[in-house]
Protein backbone atom coordinates (compact mmCIF):
# COMPACT_ATOMS: atom_id res chain seq x y z
CA MET A 1 -0.05 0.17 -0.29
CA GLU A 2 1.47 3.37 -0.85
CA THR A 3 1.48 6.27 1.89
CA PRO A 4 1.97 9.57 1.23
CA GLU A 5 5.13 10.05 2.21
CA GLN A 6 5.69 8.05 -0.58
CA TYR A 7 5.59 11.40 -3.32
CA GLY A 8 6.17 14.76 -4.03
CA VAL A 9 4.59 18.23 -3.12
CA ASP A 10 2.17 18.33 -5.57
CA GLU A 11 2.42 14.62 -6.78
CA GLY A 12 -0.48 11.37 -5.48
CA PRO A 13 -3.78 10.75 -6.00
CA ALA A 14 -5.80 13.07 -3.87
CA GLN A 15 -7.36 12.10 0.16
CA LYS A 16 -8.79 13.24 2.07
CA VAL A 17 -8.09 14.77 5.28
CA SER A 18 -10.09 15.67 8.39
CA VAL A 19 -8.99 19.73 9.48
CA SER A 20 -10.21 21.71 12.01
CA MET A 21 -11.54 25.54 11.44
CA PRO A 22 -13.68 28.39 12.76
CA ALA A 23 -17.41 27.83 11.61
CA GLY A 24 -17.53 31.86 10.71
CA ARG A 25 -13.83 30.44 8.37
CA ILE A 26 -15.82 27.13 6.85
CA ALA A 27 -19.04 29.21 5.81
CA ALA A 28 -16.78 32.49 4.49
CA VAL A 29 -15.16 29.66 2.02
CA LYS A 30 -17.87 28.30 1.76
CA ALA A 31 -19.84 31.40 0.55
CA ARG A 32 -17.22 32.22 -1.87
CA VAL A 33 -16.36 28.96 -3.99
CA GLY A 34 -19.59 26.64 -2.81
CA ALA A 35 -19.33 23.39 -1.26
CA ARG A 36 -18.28 21.50 -4.46
CA GLY A 37 -15.24 24.06 -4.06
CA PHE A 38 -14.02 23.93 -0.28
CA SER A 39 -11.37 20.92 -1.05
CA ALA A 40 -9.31 22.89 -3.99
CA TYR A 41 -9.38 26.58 -1.85
CA VAL A 42 -7.91 25.20 0.16
CA SER A 43 -5.33 22.98 -1.01
CA ALA A 44 -4.05 26.54 -3.30
CA ALA A 45 -4.07 28.18 0.21
CA VAL A 46 -2.04 25.48 0.98
CA GLU A 47 -0.04 25.20 -1.28
CA ARG A 48 -0.07 29.11 -1.39
CA GLN A 49 2.01 28.65 2.86
CA ILE A 50 4.50 25.51 1.72
CA GLN A 51 5.82 28.29 -1.67
CA ARG A 52 5.82 31.47 1.99
CA ASP A 53 7.28 29.02 4.10
CA LEU A 54 10.75 27.28 1.92
CA LEU A 55 10.11 31.76 1.29
CA GLU A 56 10.66 32.48 4.35
CA GLU A 57 13.34 29.51 4.77
CA LEU A 58 15.30 31.09 2.38
CA LEU A 59 15.56 34.49 2.88
CA GLN A 60 16.92 33.62 5.86
CA ALA A 61 19.91 32.14 5.03
CA LYS A 62 20.58 34.35 2.66
CA GLU A 63 20.32 36.76 5.41
CA SER A 64 22.89 34.41 7.83
CA GLU A 65 24.79 34.75 4.43
CA ILE A 66 25.31 38.32 3.05
CA GLY A 67 23.42 39.89 6.71
CA HIS A 68 20.17 42.03 7.91
CA PRO A 69 19.27 44.28 4.68
CA SER A 70 20.63 47.72 4.60
CA PRO A 71 17.05 49.91 6.36
CA GLU A 72 16.89 51.81 2.15
CA VAL A 73 16.07 47.79 0.96
CA GLN A 74 14.51 47.37 3.33
CA GLU A 75 12.01 50.99 2.71
CA TRP A 76 12.62 49.62 -0.58
CA ALA A 77 11.42 46.47 -0.45
CA ALA A 78 7.89 47.52 1.97
CA GLU A 79 6.73 50.24 -1.12
CA ILE A 80 7.08 47.20 -3.29
CA PHE A 81 3.97 44.86 -1.47
CA GLN A 82 1.95 48.01 -0.88
CA ASP A 83 2.24 48.40 -4.46
CA ALA A 84 1.48 44.67 -5.65
CA GLU A 85 -1.17 44.92 -2.93
CA ALA A 86 -2.70 47.72 -4.36
CA MET A 87 -2.74 46.25 -8.22
CA ALA A 88 -3.55 43.16 -6.65
CA ALA A 89 -6.87 45.14 -4.66
CA ASP A 90 -7.49 46.70 -8.37
CA GLU A 91 -7.58 43.72 -9.95
CA HIS A 92 -10.19 41.78 -7.82
CA THR A 93 -12.71 45.20 -7.80
CA ALA A 94 -12.35 44.89 -11.63
CA GLU A 95 -13.38 41.14 -11.88
CA THR A 96 -16.72 41.51 -9.55
CA THR A 97 -17.55 44.93 -10.30
CA ASP A 98 -17.02 44.41 -14.06
CA GLY A 99 -18.10 40.94 -14.04
CA GLY A 100 -15.31 39.23 -15.09
CA GLU A 101 -15.00 35.76 -14.55
CA GLY A 102 -11.78 34.84 -11.10
CA THR A 103 -11.09 31.48 -10.34
CA GLU A 104 -13.61 28.77 -10.25
CA TRP A 105 -12.75 27.37 -7.49
CA SER A 106 -16.19 24.11 -7.99
CA ASP A 107 -14.49 23.22 -11.15
CA ARG A 108 -10.87 22.10 -9.52
CA LYS A 109 -10.45 18.97 -8.24
CA ALA A 110 -7.80 19.00 -5.22
CA GLY A 111 -4.61 17.47 -5.48
C-alpha cells in the first residue's frame, strides 16, 4: 500500500483529511466557492503557505549569509509589496464589479 510520504508535494492521488477550523472561516470559504470547491480552495491555500514557508527559509539563509538588509532596501521592499497589494486589490475589484470571471474553484479538483 502506498503512503503519502512516497509522493512529492504536488504528486499522488487526492486523499481525504480532517481539519478543524473556525465555523465562520468555513462559512466564508463556502460562500466564496461553494461546497464543491472547498477542497480545491483549501489545497491552494496550503500550497501558497508552503511556498511562503520555503521563501522565508530562503530569506533567512540569505540573511545569515550576507547580512540584514539596509534600511533603504527594507523601505524599497515595503513599497514594492504595497504596490503589489494595491494592484491585486484593483484586479479583484475589477473582477467583481465588471462581471469578470475569477478562478472557478468549484470546477477544480483537489490535489
